[in-house]
Amino acid sequence: MRVAIVTGASSGLGREYCRWVDDHRHEGRGLDQLWVVARRRQRLDELADQLGIPVRVFAEDLGTREGVVALADALSDAQKADPSFEVGFLVNAAGFARYLTVEDTSLDDIDAMVDVNCRAVIDVTHVCLPYLHKGARVLQVASCAAFQPLPGLSEYAATKSFVLSYTRSQRWELIGRGVYMTAVCPIWVKTEFNKVAMSKRQDGNLTVRHTFPNLEPKTVVDWSCFVNSINYPVATCNVVPFLMRIAGKVLPSPVLMAIWEGLRRV
């Protein structure tokens, strides 16, 4: 049996990646089952009813060790039942954010961003590694925020820089195994993620006053899956994050942060 695993599948990009898997399940060596992981079981059950591929639901919080262990145990049990079991497609799309200054961000929110955006990505990838064989594909959802420090999004941008760095180095380690791994680094995407993340500061103002330009989730998913199919390390999915990636390589960080400070106040 060959499965796809998508975390953060209850909404946003994760949900769109599930639809992509359903539409492309017969391509290549094919996928027999989709494992969806997120906290909201009702959303996952609703998604499963909409898809043609058989779906296994994991209502787990990957921000906790227990959530990752539950997935690891399921993988082990599946291989015991079927020695040919493998993970053919993995998407780490679970994420959490608060668009606030460091001072205005609670300790609980800071810990949640690190746990979900960083630790869960490493843990899920780690427990899936033994089941990733030649032809397997992995997409790690980061952000164009990974390309430079962003005051007002300090913790979130730092966690996404972590994901980008981890993905690039892990991809290098997998050379020779035939596993394709890509960091997905789009700009703002039209999902409920931004509505949750845009919080008011203590003075009542928003740290980020607008999210523009906005990309459609399907655009990000289609483009990132294409980039991953040619084994390219980073998918920016739009000209703006592509330019941000180039700027992050050639301009000093203080210059980039000054530009961002002006843009986020508009």
C-alpha atoms as a PDB file:
ATOM      1  CA  MET A   1       0.000   0.000   0.000  1.00  0.00           C
ATOM      2  CA  ARG A   2       1.220   3.487  -0.892  1.00  0.00           C
ATOM      3  CA  VAL A   3      -0.225   6.440   1.010  1.00  0.00           C
ATOM      4  CA  ALA A   4      -0.155  10.225   1.032  1.00  0.00           C
ATOM      5  CA  ILE A   5      -0.003  12.120   4.340  1.00  0.00           C
ATOM      6  CA  VAL A   6      -1.159  15.732   4.665  1.00  0.00           C
ATOM      7  CA  THR A   7      -0.966  17.626   7.956  1.00  0.00           C
ATOM      8  CA  GLY A   8      -3.043  20.725   8.595  1.00  0.00           C
ATOM      9  CA  ALA A   9      -5.646  19.108   6.355  1.00  0.00           C
ATOM     10  CA  SER A  10      -8.723  20.654   7.966  1.00  0.00           C
ATOM     11  CA  SER A  11      -8.406  23.994   6.149  1.00  0.00           C
ATOM     12  CA  GLY A  12      -6.361  26.257   3.900  1.00  0.00           C
ATOM     13  CA  LEU A  13      -3.417  24.913   1.962  1.00  0.00           C
ATOM     14  CA  GLY A  14      -3.598  21.541   3.674  1.00  0.00           C
ATOM     15  CA  ARG A  15      -7.144  21.004   2.468  1.00  0.00           C
ATOM     16  CA  GLU A  16      -6.186  22.080  -1.058  1.00  0.00           C
ATOM     17  CA  TYR A  17      -3.247  19.654  -1.104  1.00  0.00           C
ATOM     18  CA  CYS A  18      -5.705  16.875  -0.220  1.00  0.00           C
ATOM     19  CA  ARG A  19      -7.787  17.788  -3.242  1.00  0.00           C
ATOM     20  CA  TRP A  20      -4.648  17.746  -5.393  1.00  0.00           C
ATOM     21  CA  VAL A  21      -3.792  14.268  -4.119  1.00  0.00           C
ATOM     22  CA  ASP A  22      -7.320  13.096  -4.938  1.00  0.00           C
ATOM     23  CA  ASP A  23      -7.091  14.485  -8.469  1.00  0.00           C
ATOM     24  CA  HIS A  24      -3.648  12.961  -9.137  1.00  0.00           C
ATOM     25  CA  ARG A  25      -3.839   9.709  -7.172  1.00  0.00           C
ATOM     26  CA  HIS A  26      -3.575   7.527 -10.282  1.00  0.00           C
ATOM     27  CA  GLU A  27      -0.469   9.218 -11.683  1.00  0.00           C
ATOM     28  CA  GLY A  28       2.974   7.623 -11.539  1.00  0.00           C
ATOM     29  CA  ARG A  29       3.006   4.657  -9.187  1.00  0.00           C
ATOM     30  CA  GLY A  30      -0.323   5.753  -7.767  1.00  0.00           C
ATOM     31  CA  LEU A  31      -1.609   6.336  -4.250  1.00  0.00           C
ATOM     32  CA  ASP A  32      -3.945   3.939  -2.475  1.00  0.00           C
ATOM     33  CA  GLN A  33      -4.955   5.992   0.544  1.00  0.00           C
ATOM     34  CA  LEU A  34      -4.794   9.514   1.982  1.00  0.00           C
ATOM     35  CA  TRP A  35      -4.028  10.089   5.648  1.00  0.00           C
ATOM     36  CA  VAL A  36      -5.264  13.476   6.855  1.00  0.00           C
ATOM     37  CA  VAL A  37      -4.014  14.984  10.108  1.00  0.00           C
ATOM     38  CA  ALA A  38      -5.413  17.971  12.018  1.00  0.00           C
ATOM     39  CA  ARG A  39      -7.108  18.785  15.315  1.00  0.00           C
ATOM     40  CA  ARG A  40     -10.673  19.257  14.020  1.00  0.00           C
ATOM     41  CA  ARG A  41     -12.204  15.839  13.374  1.00  0.00           C
ATOM     42  CA  GLN A  42     -15.468  17.193  12.016  1.00  0.00           C
ATOM     43  CA  ARG A  43     -13.632  19.146   9.316  1.00  0.00           C
ATOM     44  CA  LEU A  44     -11.587  16.083   8.416  1.00  0.00           C
ATOM     45  CA  ASP A  45     -14.674  13.871   8.220  1.00  0.00           C
ATOM     46  CA  GLU A  46     -16.351  16.413   5.949  1.00  0.00           C
ATOM     47  CA  LEU A  47     -13.273  16.467   3.719  1.00  0.00           C
ATOM     48  CA  ALA A  48     -13.148  12.680   3.557  1.00  0.00           C
ATOM     49  CA  ASP A  49     -16.748  12.624   2.316  1.00  0.00           C
ATOM     50  CA  GLN A  50     -15.827  14.967  -0.543  1.00  0.00           C
ATOM     51  CA  LEU A  51     -12.889  12.943  -1.884  1.00  0.00           C
ATOM     52  CA  GLY A  52     -12.787   9.853  -4.062  1.00  0.00           C
ATOM     53  CA  ILE A  53      -9.598   8.405  -2.585  1.00  0.00           C
ATOM     54  CA  PRO A  54      -9.960   6.312   0.610  1.00  0.00           C
ATOM     55  CA  VAL A  55      -9.184   8.582   3.576  1.00  0.00           C
ATOM     56  CA  ARG A  56      -7.910   7.743   7.054  1.00  0.00           C
ATOM     57  CA  VAL A  57      -8.557  10.468   9.623  1.00  0.00           C
ATOM     58  CA  PHE A  58      -6.138  11.382  12.402  1.00  0.00           C
ATOM     59  CA  ALA A  59      -7.671  13.982  14.732  1.00  0.00           C
ATOM     60  CA  GLU A  60      -4.369  14.813  16.415  1.00  0.00           C
ATOM     61  CA  ASP A  61      -2.591  17.914  17.669  1.00  0.00           C
ATOM     62  CA  LEU A  62       0.886  17.759  16.174  1.00  0.00           C
ATOM     63  CA  GLY A  63       1.955  20.504  18.549  1.00  0.00           C
ATOM     64  CA  THR A  64       2.143  17.747  21.173  1.00  0.00           C
ATOM     65  CA  ARG A  65       4.406  14.713  21.304  1.00  0.00           C
ATOM     66  CA  GLU A  66       1.331  12.491  21.687  1.00  0.00           C
ATOM     67  CA  GLY A  67       0.018  13.564  18.281  1.00  0.00           C
ATOM     68  CA  VAL A  68       3.256  12.640  16.530  1.00  0.00           C
ATOM     69  CA  VAL A  69       3.519   9.328  18.415  1.00  0.00           C
ATOM     70  CA  ALA A  70      -0.006   8.408  17.286  1.00  0.00           C
ATOM     71  CA  LEU A  71       1.055   8.916  13.659  1.00  0.00           C
ATOM     72  CA  ALA A  72       4.304   7.001  14.194  1.00  0.00           C
ATOM     73  CA  ASP A  73       2.428   4.062  15.707  1.00  0.00           C
ATOM     74  CA  ALA A  74      -0.028   4.014  12.782  1.00  0.00           C
ATOM     75  CA  LEU A  75       2.867   3.932  10.311  1.00  0.00           C
ATOM     76  CA  SER A  76       4.525   1.064  12.149  1.00  0.00           C
ATOM     77  CA  ASP A  77       1.278  -0.906  12.349  1.00  0.00           C
ATOM     78  CA  ALA A  78       0.628  -0.366   8.630  1.00  0.00           C
ATOM     79  CA  GLN A  79       4.051  -1.754   7.701  1.00  0.00           C
ATOM     80  CA  LYS A  80       3.549  -4.779   9.943  1.00  0.00           C
ATOM     81  CA  ALA A  81       0.268  -5.475   8.179  1.00  0.00           C
ATOM     82  CA  ASP A  82       1.793  -4.869   4.733  1.00  0.00           C
ATOM     83  CA  PRO A  83       5.607  -5.089   4.380  1.00  0.00           C
ATOM     84  CA  SER A  84       5.382  -3.183   1.076  1.00  0.00           C
ATOM     85  CA  PHE A  85       3.795  -0.186   2.808  1.00  0.00           C
ATOM     86  CA  GLU A  86       5.321   3.185   1.944  1.00  0.00           C
ATOM     87  CA  VAL A  87       4.638   6.918   2.071  1.00  0.00           C
ATOM     88  CA  GLY A  88       4.603   8.234  -1.476  1.00  0.00           C
ATOM     89  CA  PHE A  89       3.590  11.836  -0.778  1.00  0.00           C
ATOM     90  CA  LEU A  90       4.045  13.918   2.379  1.00  0.00           C
ATOM     91  CA  VAL A  91       2.901  17.489   2.945  1.00  0.00           C
ATOM     92  CA  ASN A  92       3.626  19.304   6.199  1.00  0.00           C
ATOM     93  CA  ALA A  93       1.049  22.090   5.971  1.00  0.00           C
ATOM     94  CA  ALA A  94       0.097  22.454   9.639  1.00  0.00           C
ATOM     95  CA  GLY A  95       0.934  25.953  10.840  1.00  0.00           C
ATOM     96  CA  PHE A  96       0.206  28.573  13.474  1.00  0.00           C
ATOM     97  CA  ALA A  97       0.849  32.315  13.584  1.00  0.00           C
ATOM     98  CA  ARG A  98       0.231  35.517  15.479  1.00  0.00           C
ATOM     99  CA  TYR A  99       1.114  38.695  13.589  1.00  0.00           C
ATOM    100  CA  LEU A 100       2.251  40.694  16.609  1.00  0.00           C
ATOM    101  CA  THR A 101       5.342  42.311  18.043  1.00  0.00           C
ATOM    102  CA  VAL A 102       7.406  40.221  20.442  1.00  0.00           C
ATOM    103  CA  GLU A 103       6.144  42.290  23.369  1.00  0.00           C
ATOM    104  CA  ASP A 104       2.497  41.736  22.471  1.00  0.00           C
ATOM    105  CA  THR A 105       2.778  38.001  21.806  1.00  0.00           C
ATOM    106  CA  SER A 106       1.865  35.690  24.680  1.00  0.00           C
ATOM    107  CA  LEU A 107       4.232  32.971  25.835  1.00  0.00           C
ATOM    108  CA  ASP A 108       1.615  30.337  24.941  1.00  0.00           C
ATOM    109  CA  ASP A 109       1.415  31.636  21.362  1.00  0.00           C
ATOM    110  CA  ILE A 110       5.195  31.757  21.037  1.00  0.00           C
ATOM    111  CA  ASP A 111       5.471  28.153  22.206  1.00  0.00           C
ATOM    112  CA  ALA A 112       2.653  27.094  19.863  1.00  0.00           C
ATOM    113  CA  MET A 113       4.398  28.640  16.857  1.00  0.00           C
ATOM    114  CA  VAL A 114       7.640  26.836  17.657  1.00  0.00           C
ATOM    115  CA  ASP A 115       5.891  23.534  18.400  1.00  0.00           C
ATOM    116  CA  VAL A 116       3.667  23.470  15.305  1.00  0.00           C
ATOM    117  CA  ASN A 117       5.831  25.306  12.759  1.00  0.00           C
ATOM    118  CA  CYS A 118       9.186  23.791  13.703  1.00  0.00           C
ATOM    119  CA  ARG A 119       9.109  20.759  15.946  1.00  0.00           C
ATOM    120  CA  ALA A 120       6.100  19.126  14.278  1.00  0.00           C
ATOM    121  CA  VAL A 121       7.678  19.501  10.829  1.00  0.00           C
ATOM    122  CA  ILE A 122      10.860  17.759  11.949  1.00  0.00           C
ATOM    123  CA  ASP A 123       9.038  15.100  13.968  1.00  0.00           C
ATOM    124  CA  VAL A 124       6.552  14.180  11.239  1.00  0.00           C
ATOM    125  CA  THR A 125       9.289  14.085   8.604  1.00  0.00           C
ATOM    126  CA  HIS A 126      11.458  11.989  10.902  1.00  0.00           C
ATOM    127  CA  VAL A 127       8.806   9.347  11.599  1.00  0.00           C
ATOM    128  CA  CYS A 128       7.973   9.158   7.874  1.00  0.00           C
ATOM    129  CA  LEU A 129      11.581   8.844   6.671  1.00  0.00           C
ATOM    130  CA  PRO A 130      11.793   5.032   6.929  1.00  0.00           C
ATOM    131  CA  TYR A 131       8.776   4.787   4.624  1.00  0.00           C
ATOM    132  CA  LEU A 132       9.964   7.282   1.994  1.00  0.00           C
ATOM    133  CA  HIS A 133      11.423   5.363  -0.927  1.00  0.00           C
ATOM    134  CA  LYS A 134      12.500   6.214  -4.454  1.00  0.00           C
ATOM    135  CA  GLY A 135       9.864   8.366  -6.125  1.00  0.00           C
ATOM    136  CA  ALA A 136       8.448   9.752  -2.882  1.00  0.00           C
ATOM    137  CA  ARG A 137       7.685  13.471  -2.751  1.00  0.00           C
ATOM    138  CA  VAL A 138       7.798  15.808   0.263  1.00  0.00           C
ATOM    139  CA  LEU A 139       6.560  19.398   0.502  1.00  0.00           C
ATOM    140  CA  GLN A 140       7.310  21.477   3.587  1.00  0.00           C
ATOM    141  CA  VAL A 141       5.093  24.559   3.780  1.00  0.00           C
ATOM    142  CA  ALA A 142       7.197  27.552   4.817  1.00  0.00           C
ATOM    143  CA  SER A 143       6.607  31.144   3.661  1.00  0.00           C
ATOM    144  CA  CYS A 144       8.327  34.017   1.894  1.00  0.00           C
ATOM    145  CA  ALA A 145       8.690  35.337   5.464  1.00  0.00           C
ATOM    146  CA  ALA A 146      11.581  32.864   5.629  1.00  0.00           C
ATOM    147  CA  PHE A 147      13.757  35.007   3.367  1.00  0.00           C
ATOM    148  CA  GLN A 148      14.425  37.892   5.802  1.00  0.00           C
ATOM    149  CA  PRO A 149      13.753  39.029   9.383  1.00  0.00           C
ATOM    150  CA  LEU A 150      10.321  40.694   9.717  1.00  0.00           C
ATOM    151  CA  PRO A 151       9.678  42.958  12.716  1.00  0.00           C
ATOM    152  CA  GLY A 152       6.073  42.519  13.809  1.00  0.00           C
ATOM    153  CA  LEU A 153       6.197  38.907  12.651  1.00  0.00           C
ATOM    154  CA  SER A 154       9.462  38.074  14.381  1.00  0.00           C
ATOM    155  CA  GLU A 155       8.619  34.650  15.788  1.00  0.00           C
ATOM    156  CA  TYR A 156       6.578  33.518  12.794  1.00  0.00           C
ATOM    157  CA  ALA A 157       9.242  34.581  10.276  1.00  0.00           C
ATOM    158  CA  ALA A 158      11.938  32.898  12.345  1.00  0.00           C
ATOM    159  CA  THR A 159      10.016  29.604  12.439  1.00  0.00           C
ATOM    160  CA  LYS A 160       9.608  29.692   8.672  1.00  0.00           C
ATOM    161  CA  SER A 161      13.317  30.423   8.200  1.00  0.00           C
ATOM    162  CA  PHE A 162      13.872  27.309  10.279  1.00  0.00           C
ATOM    163  CA  VAL A 163      11.640  25.262   7.960  1.00  0.00           C
ATOM    164  CA  LEU A 164      13.442  26.572   4.881  1.00  0.00           C
ATOM    165  CA  SER A 165      16.885  25.799   6.281  1.00  0.00           C
ATOM    166  CA  TYR A 166      15.814  22.368   7.495  1.00  0.00           C
ATOM    167  CA  THR A 167      14.238  21.479   4.149  1.00  0.00           C
ATOM    168  CA  ARG A 168      17.285  22.493   2.137  1.00  0.00           C
ATOM    169  CA  SER A 169      19.685  20.495   4.316  1.00  0.00           C
ATOM    170  CA  GLN A 170      17.373  17.473   4.602  1.00  0.00           C
ATOM    171  CA  ARG A 171      16.956  17.481   0.827  1.00  0.00           C
ATOM    172  CA  TRP A 172      20.744  17.288   0.470  1.00  0.00           C
ATOM    173  CA  GLU A 173      20.886  14.334   2.857  1.00  0.00           C
ATOM    174  CA  LEU A 174      18.299  12.517   0.730  1.00  0.00           C
ATOM    175  CA  ILE A 175      20.319  12.800  -2.480  1.00  0.00           C
ATOM    176  CA  GLY A 176      20.714   9.296  -3.824  1.00  0.00           C
ATOM    177  CA  ARG A 177      17.453   8.004  -2.346  1.00  0.00           C
ATOM    178  CA  GLY A 178      15.296   9.442  -5.109  1.00  0.00           C
ATOM    179  CA  VAL A 179      13.119  11.427  -2.686  1.00  0.00           C
ATOM    180  CA  TYR A 180      12.105  14.904  -3.864  1.00  0.00           C
ATOM    181  CA  MET A 181      11.777  17.558  -1.129  1.00  0.00           C
ATOM    182  CA  THR A 182      10.701  21.183  -1.625  1.00  0.00           C
ATOM    183  CA  ALA A 183      10.140  24.169   0.672  1.00  0.00           C
ATOM    184  CA  VAL A 184       6.940  26.013  -0.267  1.00  0.00           C
ATOM    185  CA  CYS A 185       7.442  29.765   0.231  1.00  0.00           C
ATOM    186  CA  PRO A 186       4.443  31.768  -1.034  1.00  0.00           C
ATOM    187  CA  ILE A 187       3.279  35.231  -0.065  1.00  0.00           C
ATOM    188  CA  TRP A 188      -0.145  35.757   1.582  1.00  0.00           C
ATOM    189  CA  VAL A 189      -2.680  33.074   0.664  1.00  0.00           C
ATOM    190  CA  LYS A 190      -6.468  33.465   0.679  1.00  0.00           C
ATOM    191  CA  THR A 191      -7.287  31.215   3.634  1.00  0.00           C
ATOM    192  CA  GLU A 192      -8.656  31.596   7.149  1.00  0.00           C
ATOM    193  CA  PHE A 193      -5.049  31.365   8.398  1.00  0.00           C
ATOM    194  CA  ASN A 194      -4.504  35.123   8.028  1.00  0.00           C
ATOM    195  CA  LYS A 195      -7.774  35.977   9.781  1.00  0.00           C
ATOM    196  CA  VAL A 196      -6.663  33.974  12.794  1.00  0.00           C
ATOM    197  CA  ALA A 197      -3.107  35.310  12.701  1.00  0.00           C
ATOM    198  CA  MET A 198      -3.947  39.034  12.396  1.00  0.00           C
ATOM    199  CA  SER A 199      -4.315  39.986  16.053  1.00  0.00           C
ATOM    200  CA  LYS A 200      -4.646  43.407  17.629  1.00  0.00           C
ATOM    201  CA  ARG A 201      -1.790  44.828  19.661  1.00  0.00           C
ATOM    202  CA  GLN A 202      -2.216  46.094  23.208  1.00  0.00           C
ATOM    203  CA  ASP A 203      -2.879  49.586  21.812  1.00  0.00           C
ATOM    204  CA  GLY A 204      -5.665  48.221  19.594  1.00  0.00           C
ATOM    205  CA  ASN A 205      -3.756  48.564  16.314  1.00  0.00           C
ATOM    206  CA  LEU A 206      -2.863  45.785  13.888  1.00  0.00           C
ATOM    207  CA  THR A 207       0.798  44.889  13.437  1.00  0.00           C
ATOM    208  CA  VAL A 208       0.051  43.983   9.807  1.00  0.00           C
ATOM    209  CA  ARG A 209      -2.697  46.142   8.315  1.00  0.00           C
ATOM    210  CA  HIS A 210      -3.165  44.315   5.039  1.00  0.00           C
ATOM    211  CA  THR A 211      -2.326  41.058   3.286  1.00  0.00           C
ATOM    212  CA  PHE A 212      -1.602  41.844  -0.336  1.00  0.00           C
ATOM    213  CA  PRO A 213      -1.146  40.379  -2.845  1.00  0.00           C
ATOM    214  CA  ASN A 214      -3.241  37.322  -2.012  1.00  0.00           C
ATOM    215  CA  LEU A 215      -2.734  34.053  -3.835  1.00  0.00           C
ATOM    216  CA  GLU A 216      -5.429  31.456  -4.392  1.00  0.00           C
ATOM    217  CA  PRO A 217      -4.683  28.202  -2.504  1.00  0.00           C
ATOM    218  CA  LYS A 218      -5.030  26.193  -5.714  1.00  0.00           C
ATOM    219  CA  THR A 219      -2.400  28.367  -7.412  1.00  0.00           C
ATOM    220  CA  VAL A 220       0.083  27.709  -4.603  1.00  0.00           C
ATOM    221  CA  VAL A 221      -0.628  23.979  -4.538  1.00  0.00           C
ATOM    222  CA  ASP A 222      -0.475  23.470  -8.308  1.00  0.00           C
ATOM    223  CA  TRP A 223       2.716  25.481  -8.700  1.00  0.00           C
ATOM    224  CA  SER A 224       4.492  23.959  -5.693  1.00  0.00           C
ATOM    225  CA  CYS A 225       3.626  20.425  -6.816  1.00  0.00           C
ATOM    226  CA  PHE A 226       5.049  21.191 -10.256  1.00  0.00           C
ATOM    227  CA  VAL A 227       8.253  22.625  -8.744  1.00  0.00           C
ATOM    228  CA  ASN A 228       8.541  19.571  -6.519  1.00  0.00           C
ATOM    229  CA  SER A 229       8.054  17.260  -9.511  1.00  0.00           C
ATOM    230  CA  ILE A 230      11.282  18.620 -11.052  1.00  0.00           C
ATOM    231  CA  ASN A 231      13.068  18.322  -7.695  1.00  0.00           C
ATOM    232  CA  TYR A 232      13.688  22.049  -7.230  1.00  0.00           C
ATOM    233  CA  PRO A 233      14.369  23.038  -3.595  1.00  0.00           C
ATOM    234  CA  VAL A 234      12.183  26.156  -3.232  1.00  0.00           C
ATOM    235  CA  ALA A 235       8.764  27.038  -4.657  1.00  0.00           C
ATOM    236  CA  THR A 236       7.891  30.737  -4.378  1.00  0.00           C
ATOM    237  CA  CYS A 237       4.672  30.406  -6.423  1.00  0.00           C
ATOM    238  CA  ASN A 238       4.573  34.079  -7.473  1.00  0.00           C
ATOM    239  CA  VAL A 239       6.847  36.860  -8.729  1.00  0.00           C
ATOM    240  CA  VAL A 240       6.666  38.850  -5.450  1.00  0.00           C
ATOM    241  CA  PRO A 241       8.089  36.127  -3.170  1.00  0.00           C
ATOM    242  CA  PHE A 242      10.607  35.298  -5.911  1.00  0.00           C
ATOM    243  CA  LEU A 243      11.863  38.887  -5.775  1.00  0.00           C
ATOM    244  CA  MET A 244      11.875  38.716  -1.965  1.00  0.00           C
ATOM    245  CA  ARG A 245      14.041  35.616  -2.183  1.00  0.00           C
ATOM    246  CA  ILE A 246      16.528  37.395  -4.464  1.00  0.00           C
ATOM    247  CA  ALA A 247      16.492  40.527  -2.310  1.00  0.00           C
ATOM    248  CA  GLY A 248      17.222  38.462   0.779  1.00  0.00           C
ATOM    249  CA  LYS A 249      20.415  37.256  -0.878  1.00  0.00           C
ATOM    250  CA  VAL A 250      21.751  40.613  -2.072  1.00  0.00           C
ATOM    251  CA  LEU A 251      20.452  43.331   0.275  1.00  0.00           C
ATOM    252  CA  PRO A 252      21.508  43.868   3.907  1.00  0.00           C
ATOM    253  CA  SER A 253      18.905  42.800   6.470  1.00  0.00           C
ATOM    254  CA  PRO A 254      18.527  46.330   7.943  1.00  0.00           C
ATOM    255  CA  VAL A 255      17.510  47.623   4.505  1.00  0.00           C
ATOM    256  CA  LEU A 256      14.943  44.864   4.045  1.00  0.00           C
ATOM    257  CA  MET A 257      13.539  45.400   7.525  1.00  0.00           C
ATOM    258  CA  ALA A 258      13.210  49.144   6.922  1.00  0.00           C
ATOM    259  CA  ILE A 259      11.283  48.493   3.699  1.00  0.00           C
ATOM    260  CA  TRP A 260       9.034  46.001   5.498  1.00  0.00           C
ATOM    261  CA  GLU A 261       8.405  48.457   8.347  1.00  0.00           C
ATOM    262  CA  GLY A 262       7.028  50.922   5.844  1.00  0.00           C
ATOM    263  CA  LEU A 263       4.928  48.384   3.956  1.00  0.00           C
ATOM    264  CA  ARG A 264       3.285  46.825   6.988  1.00  0.00           C
ATOM    265  CA  ARG A 265       2.052  50.215   8.213  1.00  0.00           C
ATOM    266  CA  VAL A 266       0.324  51.129   4.950  1.00  0.00           C
END
